[in-house]
């Protein structure tokens, strides 16, 4: 199992990860480090632990918002699929109706031709 070293808020941590996940984990650590840096810039020196907790809470808030948006999009997708299915059913009914009308027109045309042939 690969191990990497990340630096967050000036402190280094050795972490294990799955094969191939090294770059992803390094990126996540860099984002957390940047978040803590932003908070430190906004609030000053309020304590390492407090900054870390604030970074975690703001990150979880973003995750919750993203999860809510995903749920909204899944609901919209389900509705669109349902509407698409209804539209396809309506299209099929329309096609059947048009085919029936076309058949009726052809029968009328044949009858008219037969009448003309008699004359």
Protein backbone atom coordinates (compact mmCIF):
# COMPACT_ATOMS: atom_id res chain seq x y z
CA UNK A 1 0.00 0.00 0.00
CA UNK A 2 1.57 3.31 -1.06
CA UNK A 3 2.33 5.98 1.49
CA UNK A 4 2.57 9.70 0.85
CA UNK A 5 3.52 12.71 2.90
CA UNK A 6 1.19 15.71 2.91
CA UNK A 7 1.65 19.12 4.46
CA UNK A 8 -1.35 20.80 6.01
CA UNK A 9 -1.02 24.07 7.91
CA UNK A 10 2.76 23.67 8.06
CA UNK A 11 2.60 20.19 9.57
CA UNK A 12 3.53 17.03 7.70
CA UNK A 13 1.54 13.83 7.87
CA UNK A 14 2.36 10.41 6.46
CA UNK A 15 -0.70 8.76 4.99
CA UNK A 16 -1.46 5.44 3.34
CA UNK A 17 -3.69 5.24 0.31
CA UNK A 18 -4.77 2.83 -2.38
CA UNK A 19 -2.58 2.25 -5.40
CA UNK A 20 -3.09 5.03 -7.93
CA UNK A 21 -4.74 7.41 -5.44
CA UNK A 22 -1.57 9.25 -4.48
CA UNK A 23 -2.14 12.33 -6.67
CA UNK A 24 -5.78 12.56 -5.66
CA UNK A 25 -4.92 12.49 -1.95
CA UNK A 26 -2.13 15.04 -2.44
CA UNK A 27 -4.63 17.30 -4.21
CA UNK A 28 -7.17 16.97 -1.41
CA UNK A 29 -4.53 17.80 1.18
CA UNK A 30 -3.47 20.85 -0.84
CA UNK A 31 -7.06 22.05 -0.99
CA UNK A 32 -7.47 21.62 2.78
CA UNK A 33 -4.20 23.45 3.37
CA UNK A 34 -5.41 26.30 1.14
CA UNK A 35 -8.75 26.42 2.98
CA UNK A 36 -7.01 26.68 6.33
CA UNK A 37 -4.78 29.41 4.88
CA UNK A 38 -7.85 31.35 3.71
CA UNK A 39 -9.45 31.07 7.13
CA UNK A 40 -6.24 32.12 8.83
CA UNK A 41 -6.18 35.16 6.53
CA UNK A 42 -9.77 36.01 7.44
CA UNK A 43 -9.69 35.32 11.17
CA UNK A 44 -6.02 35.63 12.12
CA UNK A 45 -4.34 33.43 14.68
CA UNK A 46 -7.25 31.79 16.47
CA UNK A 47 -5.59 28.44 17.09
CA UNK A 48 -4.65 25.56 14.83
CA UNK A 49 -7.34 23.22 16.05
CA UNK A 50 -10.06 25.83 15.70
CA UNK A 51 -8.95 26.65 12.13
CA UNK A 52 -8.94 22.96 11.26
CA UNK A 53 -12.44 22.51 12.68
CA UNK A 54 -13.67 25.59 10.80
CA UNK A 55 -12.12 24.26 7.57
CA UNK A 56 -13.79 20.89 8.12
CA UNK A 57 -17.18 22.48 8.81
CA UNK A 58 -17.04 24.75 5.76
CA UNK A 59 -15.98 21.78 3.64
CA UNK A 60 -18.83 19.67 4.99
CA UNK A 61 -21.21 22.55 4.22
CA UNK A 62 -20.03 22.49 0.61
CA UNK A 63 -20.44 18.71 0.52
CA UNK A 64 -23.99 19.01 1.89
CA UNK A 65 -24.86 21.65 -0.71
CA UNK A 66 -23.42 19.45 -3.47
CA UNK A 67 -25.39 16.44 -2.20
CA UNK A 68 -28.59 18.50 -2.18
CA UNK A 69 -27.89 19.68 -5.73
CA UNK A 70 -27.22 16.10 -6.85
CA UNK A 71 -30.55 15.05 -5.31
CA UNK A 72 -32.33 17.90 -7.11
CA UNK A 73 -30.70 16.93 -10.40
CA UNK A 74 -31.60 13.25 -9.89
CA UNK A 75 -35.21 14.28 -9.28
CA UNK A 76 -35.20 16.48 -12.40
CA UNK A 77 -33.66 13.63 -14.41
CA UNK A 78 -36.31 11.17 -13.22
CA UNK A 79 -39.03 13.66 -14.13
CA UNK A 80 -37.49 14.27 -17.56
CA UNK A 81 -37.28 10.53 -18.17
CA UNK A 82 -40.91 10.15 -17.17
CA UNK A 83 -41.95 13.01 -19.45
CA UNK A 84 -39.88 11.53 -22.26
CA UNK A 85 -41.59 8.19 -21.76
CA UNK A 86 -45.00 9.89 -21.84
CA UNK A 87 -44.02 11.80 -24.97
CA UNK A 88 -42.89 8.56 -26.64
CA UNK A 89 -46.21 6.94 -25.73
CA UNK A 90 -48.08 9.94 -27.11
CA UNK A 91 -45.96 9.83 -30.27
CA UNK A 92 -46.76 6.13 -30.70
CA UNK A 93 -50.49 6.83 -30.33
CA UNK A 94 -50.22 9.67 -32.86
CA UNK A 95 -48.37 7.41 -35.32
CA UNK A 96 -51.02 4.72 -34.96
CA UNK A 97 -53.77 7.30 -35.48
CA UNK A 98 -52.03 8.76 -38.53
CA UNK A 99 -51.55 5.27 -39.96
CA UNK A 100 -55.26 4.61 -39.45
CA UNK A 101 -56.15 7.90 -41.16
CA UNK A 102 -53.76 7.08 -44.01
CA UNK A 103 -55.38 3.65 -44.45
CA UNK A 104 -58.84 5.23 -44.49
CA UNK A 105 -57.74 7.79 -47.11
CA UNK A 106 -56.32 5.00 -49.27
CA UNK A 107 -59.60 3.07 -49.05
CA UNK A 108 -61.56 6.17 -50.03
CA UNK A 109 -59.15 6.81 -52.93
CA UNK A 110 -59.59 3.22 -54.17
CA UNK A 111 -63.37 3.54 -54.03
CA UNK A 112 -63.19 6.79 -55.98
CA UNK A 113 -60.97 5.15 -58.60
CA UNK A 114 -63.43 2.28 -58.96
CA UNK A 115 -66.28 4.72 -59.38
CA UNK A 116 -64.35 6.62 -62.06
CA UNK A 117 -63.55 3.34 -63.85
CA UNK A 118 -67.32 2.53 -64.05
CA UNK A 119 -68.04 5.80 -65.78
